[in-house]
């Protein structure tokens, strides 16, 4: 599946997008796999309350299933003005 990173998440990880092979069933499990890769992922995902996630372009929670998903995107919360 494709994993996309936006804003400061992209800056901390150093990539806008990557293809990931995973056995994870949920977004949270995927995050744990990513955090175990390298320190830069651990830093980017250190505070999940500062992140939002979308699975196949649908905003969801970290306990959402990713079985069969083609895309998971991580980004900071949006603010209006």
N, C-alpha and C. Protein backbone atom coordinates (compact mmCIF):
# COMPACT_ATOMS: atom_id res chain seq x y z
N UNK A 1 0.84 -1.18 0.00
CA UNK A 1 0.00 0.00 0.00
C UNK A 1 0.88 1.24 0.00
N UNK A 2 0.34 2.33 -0.46
CA UNK A 2 1.06 3.60 -0.42
C UNK A 2 0.79 4.28 0.92
N UNK A 3 1.85 4.80 1.51
CA UNK A 3 1.72 5.59 2.73
C UNK A 3 2.19 6.99 2.39
N UNK A 4 1.32 7.97 2.64
CA UNK A 4 1.60 9.36 2.31
C UNK A 4 1.81 10.17 3.58
N UNK A 5 2.74 11.10 3.52
CA UNK A 5 3.05 11.97 4.65
C UNK A 5 2.91 13.43 4.21
N UNK A 6 2.26 14.24 5.03
CA UNK A 6 2.04 15.64 4.68
C UNK A 6 2.58 16.56 5.76
N UNK A 7 2.92 17.78 5.35
CA UNK A 7 3.36 18.87 6.24
C UNK A 7 4.57 18.44 7.08
N UNK A 8 4.55 18.69 8.38
CA UNK A 8 5.72 18.39 9.21
C UNK A 8 5.98 16.90 9.34
N UNK A 9 4.98 16.06 9.09
CA UNK A 9 5.22 14.61 9.11
C UNK A 9 6.18 14.26 7.97
N UNK A 10 5.93 14.81 6.80
CA UNK A 10 6.81 14.59 5.64
C UNK A 10 8.21 15.13 5.94
N UNK A 11 8.29 16.27 6.57
CA UNK A 11 9.60 16.86 6.88
C UNK A 11 10.40 15.98 7.83
N UNK A 12 9.75 15.42 8.84
CA UNK A 12 10.45 14.59 9.82
C UNK A 12 10.87 13.25 9.24
N UNK A 13 10.04 12.68 8.39
CA UNK A 13 10.36 11.38 7.81
C UNK A 13 11.27 11.53 6.59
N UNK A 14 11.14 12.65 5.88
CA UNK A 14 12.00 12.91 4.74
C UNK A 14 11.48 12.36 3.43
N UNK A 15 10.24 11.92 3.41
CA UNK A 15 9.61 11.38 2.20
C UNK A 15 8.18 11.87 2.10
N UNK A 16 7.70 12.13 0.88
CA UNK A 16 6.29 12.48 0.73
C UNK A 16 5.40 11.25 0.65
N UNK A 17 5.99 10.12 0.20
CA UNK A 17 5.20 8.91 -0.06
C UNK A 17 6.14 7.72 -0.15
N UNK A 18 5.66 6.55 0.26
CA UNK A 18 6.42 5.33 0.07
C UNK A 18 5.47 4.14 -0.02
N UNK A 19 5.91 3.12 -0.72
CA UNK A 19 5.16 1.87 -0.80
C UNK A 19 5.60 1.01 0.39
N UNK A 20 4.62 0.49 1.13
CA UNK A 20 4.92 -0.28 2.34
C UNK A 20 4.25 -1.64 2.26
N UNK A 21 5.04 -2.68 2.51
CA UNK A 21 4.51 -4.03 2.67
C UNK A 21 4.26 -4.21 4.17
N UNK A 22 3.04 -4.59 4.54
CA UNK A 22 2.72 -4.70 5.96
C UNK A 22 1.78 -5.86 6.23
N UNK A 23 1.88 -6.39 7.41
CA UNK A 23 0.94 -7.39 7.90
C UNK A 23 -0.04 -6.75 8.89
N UNK A 24 0.07 -5.45 9.09
CA UNK A 24 -0.76 -4.73 10.06
C UNK A 24 -2.24 -4.82 9.66
N UNK A 25 -3.09 -4.94 10.67
CA UNK A 25 -4.54 -4.98 10.44
C UNK A 25 -5.19 -3.63 10.66
N UNK A 26 -4.54 -2.76 11.44
CA UNK A 26 -5.11 -1.45 11.76
C UNK A 26 -4.06 -0.36 11.52
N UNK A 27 -4.53 0.86 11.52
CA UNK A 27 -3.61 2.00 11.38
C UNK A 27 -2.61 1.99 12.54
N UNK A 28 -3.08 1.74 13.75
CA UNK A 28 -2.18 1.72 14.91
C UNK A 28 -1.07 0.70 14.76
N UNK A 29 -1.41 -0.48 14.26
CA UNK A 29 -0.38 -1.50 14.04
C UNK A 29 0.62 -1.06 12.97
N UNK A 30 0.12 -0.41 11.92
CA UNK A 30 1.01 0.13 10.90
C UNK A 30 1.96 1.16 11.50
N UNK A 31 1.44 2.04 12.33
CA UNK A 31 2.27 3.06 12.98
C UNK A 31 3.36 2.38 13.81
N UNK A 32 3.02 1.34 14.55
CA UNK A 32 4.03 0.65 15.36
C UNK A 32 5.11 0.03 14.48
N UNK A 33 4.73 -0.54 13.35
CA UNK A 33 5.72 -1.08 12.42
C UNK A 33 6.64 0.02 11.89
N UNK A 34 6.05 1.14 11.53
CA UNK A 34 6.85 2.25 11.01
C UNK A 34 7.79 2.80 12.07
N UNK A 35 7.29 2.96 13.29
CA UNK A 35 8.12 3.48 14.39
C UNK A 35 9.32 2.58 14.66
N UNK A 36 9.16 1.29 14.44
CA UNK A 36 10.25 0.35 14.70
C UNK A 36 11.32 0.39 13.60
N UNK A 37 11.04 1.00 12.48
CA UNK A 37 11.98 1.06 11.37
C UNK A 37 13.23 1.87 11.69
N UNK A 38 12.99 3.14 12.04
CA UNK A 38 14.08 4.09 12.25
C UNK A 38 13.64 5.18 13.21
N UNK A 39 14.60 5.88 13.75
CA UNK A 39 14.32 6.96 14.70
C UNK A 39 13.44 8.05 14.09
N UNK A 40 13.65 8.37 12.82
CA UNK A 40 12.86 9.45 12.20
C UNK A 40 11.37 9.13 12.21
N UNK A 41 11.00 7.87 12.07
CA UNK A 41 9.59 7.47 12.15
C UNK A 41 9.10 7.56 13.59
N UNK A 42 9.93 7.12 14.52
CA UNK A 42 9.56 7.19 15.94
C UNK A 42 9.30 8.64 16.35
N UNK A 43 10.11 9.56 15.85
CA UNK A 43 9.92 10.98 16.16
C UNK A 43 8.63 11.49 15.53
N UNK A 44 8.40 11.17 14.27
CA UNK A 44 7.21 11.66 13.56
C UNK A 44 5.92 11.14 14.19
N UNK A 45 5.94 9.91 14.69
CA UNK A 45 4.74 9.30 15.27
C UNK A 45 4.77 9.27 16.79
N UNK A 46 5.60 10.11 17.38
CA UNK A 46 5.74 10.13 18.84
C UNK A 46 4.51 10.59 19.59
N UNK A 47 3.71 11.44 18.99
CA UNK A 47 2.50 11.96 19.64
C UNK A 47 1.34 11.86 18.66
N UNK A 48 0.61 10.76 18.73
CA UNK A 48 -0.48 10.52 17.79
C UNK A 48 -1.63 11.51 17.95
N UNK A 49 -1.72 12.16 19.11
CA UNK A 49 -2.78 13.15 19.29
C UNK A 49 -2.55 14.37 18.40
N UNK A 50 -1.33 14.51 17.87
CA UNK A 50 -1.00 15.63 16.98
C UNK A 50 -1.14 15.25 15.51
N UNK A 51 -1.71 14.07 15.25
CA UNK A 51 -1.85 13.58 13.88
C UNK A 51 -3.28 13.19 13.55
N UNK A 52 -3.58 13.25 12.29
CA UNK A 52 -4.84 12.74 11.75
C UNK A 52 -4.47 11.71 10.69
N UNK A 53 -5.41 10.84 10.37
CA UNK A 53 -5.15 9.78 9.40
C UNK A 53 -6.34 9.61 8.48
N UNK A 54 -6.05 9.27 7.24
CA UNK A 54 -7.09 8.94 6.26
C UNK A 54 -6.71 7.61 5.61
N UNK A 55 -7.70 6.75 5.44
CA UNK A 55 -7.51 5.48 4.76
C UNK A 55 -8.33 5.56 3.47
N UNK A 56 -7.65 5.38 2.36
CA UNK A 56 -8.27 5.52 1.04
C UNK A 56 -9.08 6.81 0.94
N UNK A 57 -8.48 7.88 1.41
CA UNK A 57 -8.99 9.26 1.34
C UNK A 57 -10.23 9.50 2.20
N UNK A 58 -10.46 8.64 3.19
CA UNK A 58 -11.56 8.84 4.15
C UNK A 58 -10.95 9.07 5.52
N UNK A 59 -11.24 10.21 6.13
CA UNK A 59 -10.76 10.50 7.47
C UNK A 59 -11.25 9.44 8.44
N UNK A 60 -10.35 8.92 9.28
CA UNK A 60 -10.71 7.84 10.19
C UNK A 60 -9.88 7.91 11.46
N UNK A 61 -10.04 6.90 12.31
CA UNK A 61 -9.30 6.82 13.57
C UNK A 61 -8.14 5.84 13.43
N UNK A 62 -7.25 5.87 14.41
CA UNK A 62 -6.09 5.00 14.38
C UNK A 62 -6.43 3.53 14.61
N UNK A 63 -7.63 3.24 15.10
CA UNK A 63 -8.02 1.84 15.28
C UNK A 63 -8.74 1.28 14.05
N UNK A 64 -8.80 2.06 12.98
CA UNK A 64 -9.47 1.64 11.75
C UNK A 64 -8.70 0.52 11.05
N UNK A 65 -9.44 -0.35 10.40
CA UNK A 65 -8.85 -1.44 9.62
C UNK A 65 -8.16 -0.88 8.38
N UNK A 66 -7.04 -1.51 8.02
CA UNK A 66 -6.37 -1.16 6.77
C UNK A 66 -6.32 -2.37 5.84
N UNK A 67 -7.04 -3.43 6.18
CA UNK A 67 -7.10 -4.62 5.31
C UNK A 67 -7.70 -4.22 3.96
N UNK A 68 -6.97 -4.49 2.90
CA UNK A 68 -7.44 -4.16 1.57
C UNK A 68 -7.28 -2.70 1.17
N UNK A 69 -6.74 -1.88 2.06
CA UNK A 69 -6.56 -0.45 1.74
C UNK A 69 -5.44 -0.28 0.71
N UNK A 70 -5.60 0.71 -0.13
CA UNK A 70 -4.56 1.04 -1.10
C UNK A 70 -3.69 2.20 -0.64
N UNK A 71 -4.24 3.04 0.29
CA UNK A 71 -3.52 4.25 0.69
C UNK A 71 -3.85 4.62 2.12
N UNK A 72 -2.81 5.00 2.86
CA UNK A 72 -2.96 5.56 4.20
C UNK A 72 -2.18 6.86 4.22
N UNK A 73 -2.81 7.93 4.68
CA UNK A 73 -2.18 9.25 4.71
C UNK A 73 -2.15 9.79 6.13
N UNK A 74 -1.02 10.37 6.50
CA UNK A 74 -0.85 10.97 7.83
C UNK A 74 -0.61 12.46 7.66
N UNK A 75 -1.27 13.27 8.49
CA UNK A 75 -1.13 14.72 8.38
C UNK A 75 -1.52 15.37 9.71
N UNK A 76 -1.04 16.59 9.95
CA UNK A 76 -1.44 17.31 11.16
C UNK A 76 -2.88 17.80 11.03
N UNK A 77 -3.52 18.10 12.14
CA UNK A 77 -4.90 18.63 12.09
C UNK A 77 -4.95 19.92 11.29
N UNK A 78 -6.04 20.11 10.60
CA UNK A 78 -6.26 21.33 9.84
C UNK A 78 -6.89 22.37 10.75
N UNK A 79 -6.53 23.61 10.52
CA UNK A 79 -7.15 24.69 11.28
C UNK A 79 -7.81 25.65 10.30
N UNK A 80 -8.90 26.20 10.71
CA UNK A 80 -9.62 27.15 9.85
C UNK A 80 -9.30 28.57 10.25
N UNK A 81 -9.74 29.48 9.45
CA UNK A 81 -9.45 30.85 9.80
C UNK A 81 -10.23 31.84 9.02
